[in-house]
Amino acid sequence: MRKRVQIVALAVAVVSLLAWALLGLNLGWTKTSVTRWQKDPVTDLEGPVIEQRFIPGIDLLGAALLGAIVLFGISFLLPAKKLPTAKYS
């Protein structure tokens, strides 16, 4: 049981790190919208355009890694798997 919880904790850490990396490697706070500048085709002036996009930040990564650390710590409170004892006659 202990080993399974440790494997789950490792999986949570790896998946959260990969998801954070694949979705943008944002070192700031989590964002739900991004502002980009786009040229207006009629006036040729640049103006802000807000796009709804989810970019996970370092805060979300930290929360996921903290959860993985807590799971790993809880695993030491669980009973270890007992090895069968050999009986010799």
N, C-alpha and C. Protein backbone atom coordinates (compact mmCIF):
# COMPACT_ATOMS: atom_id res chain seq x y z
N MET A 1 0.83 -1.19 0.00
CA MET A 1 0.00 0.00 0.00
C MET A 1 0.87 1.25 0.00
N ARG A 2 1.92 1.23 0.79
CA ARG A 2 2.81 2.39 0.89
C ARG A 2 3.45 2.69 -0.46
N LYS A 3 3.89 1.65 -1.13
CA LYS A 3 4.57 1.82 -2.42
C LYS A 3 3.62 2.39 -3.47
N ARG A 4 2.35 1.96 -3.43
CA ARG A 4 1.37 2.46 -4.39
C ARG A 4 1.13 3.95 -4.21
N VAL A 5 1.01 4.39 -2.98
CA VAL A 5 0.78 5.81 -2.71
C VAL A 5 2.00 6.63 -3.14
N GLN A 6 3.19 6.10 -2.95
CA GLN A 6 4.40 6.79 -3.39
C GLN A 6 4.46 6.89 -4.91
N ILE A 7 4.01 5.84 -5.59
CA ILE A 7 3.98 5.87 -7.05
C ILE A 7 2.95 6.89 -7.53
N VAL A 8 1.79 6.96 -6.85
CA VAL A 8 0.78 7.95 -7.22
C VAL A 8 1.32 9.37 -6.99
N ALA A 9 2.04 9.58 -5.89
CA ALA A 9 2.62 10.89 -5.62
C ALA A 9 3.62 11.28 -6.70
N LEU A 10 4.43 10.33 -7.11
CA LEU A 10 5.40 10.59 -8.19
C LEU A 10 4.67 10.89 -9.51
N ALA A 11 3.60 10.16 -9.78
CA ALA A 11 2.83 10.39 -11.00
C ALA A 11 2.19 11.77 -10.99
N VAL A 12 1.66 12.20 -9.84
CA VAL A 12 1.06 13.53 -9.74
C VAL A 12 2.11 14.60 -10.01
N ALA A 13 3.30 14.43 -9.46
CA ALA A 13 4.37 15.40 -9.66
C ALA A 13 4.80 15.46 -11.12
N VAL A 14 4.98 14.32 -11.74
CA VAL A 14 5.45 14.28 -13.13
C VAL A 14 4.39 14.82 -14.08
N VAL A 15 3.13 14.41 -13.90
CA VAL A 15 2.06 14.86 -14.80
C VAL A 15 1.85 16.37 -14.66
N SER A 16 1.88 16.87 -13.43
CA SER A 16 1.67 18.32 -13.25
C SER A 16 2.83 19.11 -13.85
N LEU A 17 4.05 18.62 -13.71
CA LEU A 17 5.20 19.30 -14.31
C LEU A 17 5.14 19.28 -15.84
N LEU A 18 4.76 18.13 -16.41
CA LEU A 18 4.63 18.05 -17.86
C LEU A 18 3.50 18.92 -18.38
N ALA A 19 2.37 18.92 -17.69
CA ALA A 19 1.23 19.75 -18.12
C ALA A 19 1.60 21.23 -18.06
N TRP A 20 2.28 21.63 -17.01
CA TRP A 20 2.71 23.03 -16.88
C TRP A 20 3.68 23.40 -18.01
N ALA A 21 4.59 22.48 -18.31
CA ALA A 21 5.58 22.75 -19.36
C ALA A 21 4.93 22.80 -20.74
N LEU A 22 4.00 21.89 -21.00
CA LEU A 22 3.38 21.84 -22.32
C LEU A 22 2.39 22.98 -22.55
N LEU A 23 1.84 23.54 -21.48
CA LEU A 23 0.86 24.61 -21.64
C LEU A 23 1.46 26.00 -21.53
N GLY A 24 2.79 26.11 -21.45
CA GLY A 24 3.35 27.45 -21.57
C GLY A 24 4.54 27.82 -20.70
N LEU A 25 4.95 27.04 -19.72
CA LEU A 25 6.07 27.38 -18.85
C LEU A 25 5.96 28.81 -18.29
N ASN A 26 4.79 29.15 -17.81
CA ASN A 26 4.54 30.50 -17.30
C ASN A 26 5.10 30.62 -15.88
N LEU A 27 6.04 31.53 -15.67
CA LEU A 27 6.64 31.72 -14.35
C LEU A 27 5.86 32.72 -13.49
N GLY A 28 4.77 33.24 -14.04
CA GLY A 28 3.93 34.17 -13.28
C GLY A 28 2.72 33.45 -12.72
N TRP A 29 1.68 34.24 -12.40
CA TRP A 29 0.43 33.67 -11.89
C TRP A 29 -0.35 33.04 -13.03
N THR A 30 -1.30 32.18 -12.67
CA THR A 30 -2.16 31.54 -13.66
C THR A 30 -3.02 32.59 -14.37
N LYS A 31 -3.13 32.45 -15.69
CA LYS A 31 -3.89 33.42 -16.49
C LYS A 31 -5.04 32.70 -17.20
N THR A 32 -6.17 33.38 -17.33
CA THR A 32 -7.28 32.84 -18.09
C THR A 32 -7.54 33.63 -19.37
N SER A 33 -6.80 34.70 -19.57
CA SER A 33 -6.91 35.46 -20.82
C SER A 33 -5.54 36.06 -21.14
N VAL A 34 -5.31 36.27 -22.44
CA VAL A 34 -4.04 36.81 -22.92
C VAL A 34 -4.34 37.99 -23.83
N THR A 35 -3.63 39.07 -23.65
CA THR A 35 -3.79 40.25 -24.50
C THR A 35 -2.68 40.26 -25.55
N ARG A 36 -3.08 40.38 -26.80
CA ARG A 36 -2.09 40.49 -27.88
C ARG A 36 -2.47 41.68 -28.74
N TRP A 37 -1.49 42.24 -29.41
CA TRP A 37 -1.72 43.42 -30.24
C TRP A 37 -1.94 42.98 -31.68
N GLN A 38 -3.01 43.53 -32.29
CA GLN A 38 -3.34 43.18 -33.66
C GLN A 38 -3.62 44.45 -34.45
N LYS A 39 -3.16 44.45 -35.70
CA LYS A 39 -3.36 45.61 -36.56
C LYS A 39 -4.77 45.57 -37.15
N ASP A 40 -5.47 46.68 -37.05
CA ASP A 40 -6.80 46.81 -37.62
C ASP A 40 -6.67 46.91 -39.13
N PRO A 41 -7.40 46.07 -39.88
CA PRO A 41 -7.25 46.11 -41.35
C PRO A 41 -7.78 47.39 -41.99
N VAL A 42 -8.68 48.09 -41.35
CA VAL A 42 -9.27 49.29 -41.94
C VAL A 42 -8.40 50.52 -41.67
N THR A 43 -8.02 50.71 -40.39
CA THR A 43 -7.29 51.93 -40.03
C THR A 43 -5.78 51.75 -39.97
N ASP A 44 -5.30 50.53 -40.04
CA ASP A 44 -3.87 50.21 -39.91
C ASP A 44 -3.28 50.64 -38.57
N LEU A 45 -4.13 50.75 -37.55
CA LEU A 45 -3.67 51.04 -36.19
C LEU A 45 -3.65 49.75 -35.39
N GLU A 46 -2.68 49.64 -34.50
CA GLU A 46 -2.60 48.46 -33.65
C GLU A 46 -3.44 48.67 -32.40
N GLY A 47 -4.14 47.61 -31.99
CA GLY A 47 -4.95 47.69 -30.80
C GLY A 47 -4.95 46.36 -30.07
N PRO A 48 -5.30 46.39 -28.78
CA PRO A 48 -5.28 45.15 -27.99
C PRO A 48 -6.47 44.25 -28.33
N VAL A 49 -6.19 42.94 -28.40
CA VAL A 49 -7.23 41.93 -28.60
C VAL A 49 -7.07 40.94 -27.45
N ILE A 50 -8.15 40.70 -26.70
CA ILE A 50 -8.10 39.80 -25.56
C ILE A 50 -8.60 38.42 -26.00
N GLU A 51 -7.75 37.41 -25.80
CA GLU A 51 -8.10 36.02 -26.13
C GLU A 51 -8.33 35.26 -24.84
N GLN A 52 -9.41 34.47 -24.79
CA GLN A 52 -9.66 33.61 -23.64
C GLN A 52 -8.82 32.34 -23.81
N ARG A 53 -7.78 32.21 -22.98
CA ARG A 53 -6.89 31.07 -23.05
C ARG A 53 -6.37 30.78 -21.65
N PHE A 54 -6.29 29.50 -21.28
CA PHE A 54 -5.80 29.11 -19.96
C PHE A 54 -4.31 28.83 -20.02
N ILE A 55 -3.55 29.55 -19.19
CA ILE A 55 -2.11 29.34 -19.09
C ILE A 55 -1.79 29.11 -17.61
N PRO A 56 -1.44 27.86 -17.24
CA PRO A 56 -1.15 27.60 -15.83
C PRO A 56 0.13 28.30 -15.40
N GLY A 57 0.10 28.84 -14.21
CA GLY A 57 1.25 29.55 -13.68
C GLY A 57 2.02 28.73 -12.66
N ILE A 58 3.01 29.37 -12.09
CA ILE A 58 3.86 28.71 -11.11
C ILE A 58 3.07 28.40 -9.83
N ASP A 59 1.98 29.16 -9.57
CA ASP A 59 1.16 28.90 -8.39
C ASP A 59 0.43 27.57 -8.51
N LEU A 60 -0.08 27.25 -9.69
CA LEU A 60 -0.77 25.98 -9.91
C LEU A 60 0.23 24.83 -9.86
N LEU A 61 1.41 25.02 -10.41
CA LEU A 61 2.45 24.00 -10.35
C LEU A 61 2.86 23.76 -8.90
N GLY A 62 3.03 24.84 -8.14
CA GLY A 62 3.41 24.69 -6.73
C GLY A 62 2.35 23.96 -5.93
N ALA A 63 1.08 24.22 -6.19
CA ALA A 63 0.00 23.53 -5.48
C ALA A 63 0.00 22.04 -5.81
N ALA A 64 0.23 21.70 -7.07
CA ALA A 64 0.27 20.30 -7.47
C ALA A 64 1.47 19.58 -6.86
N LEU A 65 2.61 20.24 -6.85
CA LEU A 65 3.80 19.62 -6.24
C LEU A 65 3.66 19.50 -4.73
N LEU A 66 3.02 20.47 -4.10
CA LEU A 66 2.75 20.38 -2.67
C LEU A 66 1.83 19.21 -2.37
N GLY A 67 0.82 19.00 -3.22
CA GLY A 67 -0.06 17.84 -3.07
C GLY A 67 0.70 16.53 -3.20
N ALA A 68 1.65 16.48 -4.13
CA ALA A 68 2.46 15.28 -4.31
C ALA A 68 3.34 15.03 -3.09
N ILE A 69 3.88 16.10 -2.52
CA ILE A 69 4.71 15.95 -1.32
C ILE A 69 3.88 15.47 -0.14
N VAL A 70 2.66 16.00 0.00
CA VAL A 70 1.77 15.56 1.08
C VAL A 70 1.42 14.09 0.91
N LEU A 71 1.10 13.67 -0.32
CA LEU A 71 0.82 12.25 -0.56
C LEU A 71 2.03 11.38 -0.21
N PHE A 72 3.20 11.84 -0.59
CA PHE A 72 4.41 11.07 -0.29
C PHE A 72 4.62 10.97 1.23
N GLY A 73 4.36 12.06 1.94
CA GLY A 73 4.49 12.03 3.39
C GLY A 73 3.46 11.13 4.05
N ILE A 74 2.23 11.14 3.53
CA ILE A 74 1.19 10.28 4.08
C ILE A 74 1.54 8.81 3.88
N SER A 75 2.28 8.52 2.82
CA SER A 75 2.62 7.12 2.55
C SER A 75 3.45 6.50 3.67
N PHE A 76 4.18 7.31 4.40
CA PHE A 76 4.99 6.77 5.50
C PHE A 76 4.15 6.47 6.73
N LEU A 77 2.93 6.98 6.78
CA LEU A 77 2.03 6.67 7.88
C LEU A 77 1.25 5.38 7.65
N LEU A 78 1.26 4.89 6.43
CA LEU A 78 0.56 3.66 6.10
C LEU A 78 1.42 2.46 6.46
N PRO A 79 0.77 1.34 6.75
CA PRO A 79 1.55 0.15 7.11
C PRO A 79 2.33 -0.38 5.90
N ALA A 80 3.54 -0.83 6.17
CA ALA A 80 4.36 -1.40 5.11
C ALA A 80 3.87 -2.81 4.80
N LYS A 81 4.14 -3.27 3.60
CA LYS A 81 3.73 -4.62 3.22
C LYS A 81 4.56 -5.62 4.02
N LYS A 82 3.86 -6.54 4.66
CA LYS A 82 4.58 -7.54 5.47
C LYS A 82 5.01 -8.69 4.59
N LEU A 83 6.25 -9.11 4.76
CA LEU A 83 6.77 -10.22 4.00
C LEU A 83 6.34 -11.52 4.65
N PRO A 84 6.02 -12.51 3.84
CA PRO A 84 5.63 -13.80 4.42
C PRO A 84 6.84 -14.45 5.09
N THR A 85 6.59 -15.06 6.23
CA THR A 85 7.68 -15.75 6.95
C THR A 85 7.70 -17.21 6.56
N ALA A 86 8.89 -17.74 6.40
CA ALA A 86 9.06 -19.14 6.04
C ALA A 86 9.02 -19.98 7.31
N LYS A 87 8.29 -21.06 7.25
CA LYS A 87 8.21 -21.96 8.40
C LYS A 87 9.04 -23.20 8.09
N TYR A 88 10.01 -23.43 8.96
CA TYR A 88 10.87 -24.61 8.81
C TYR A 88 10.48 -25.62 9.87
N SER A 89 10.38 -26.90 9.48
CA SER A 89 10.05 -27.93 10.47
C SER A 89 11.25 -28.77 10.78
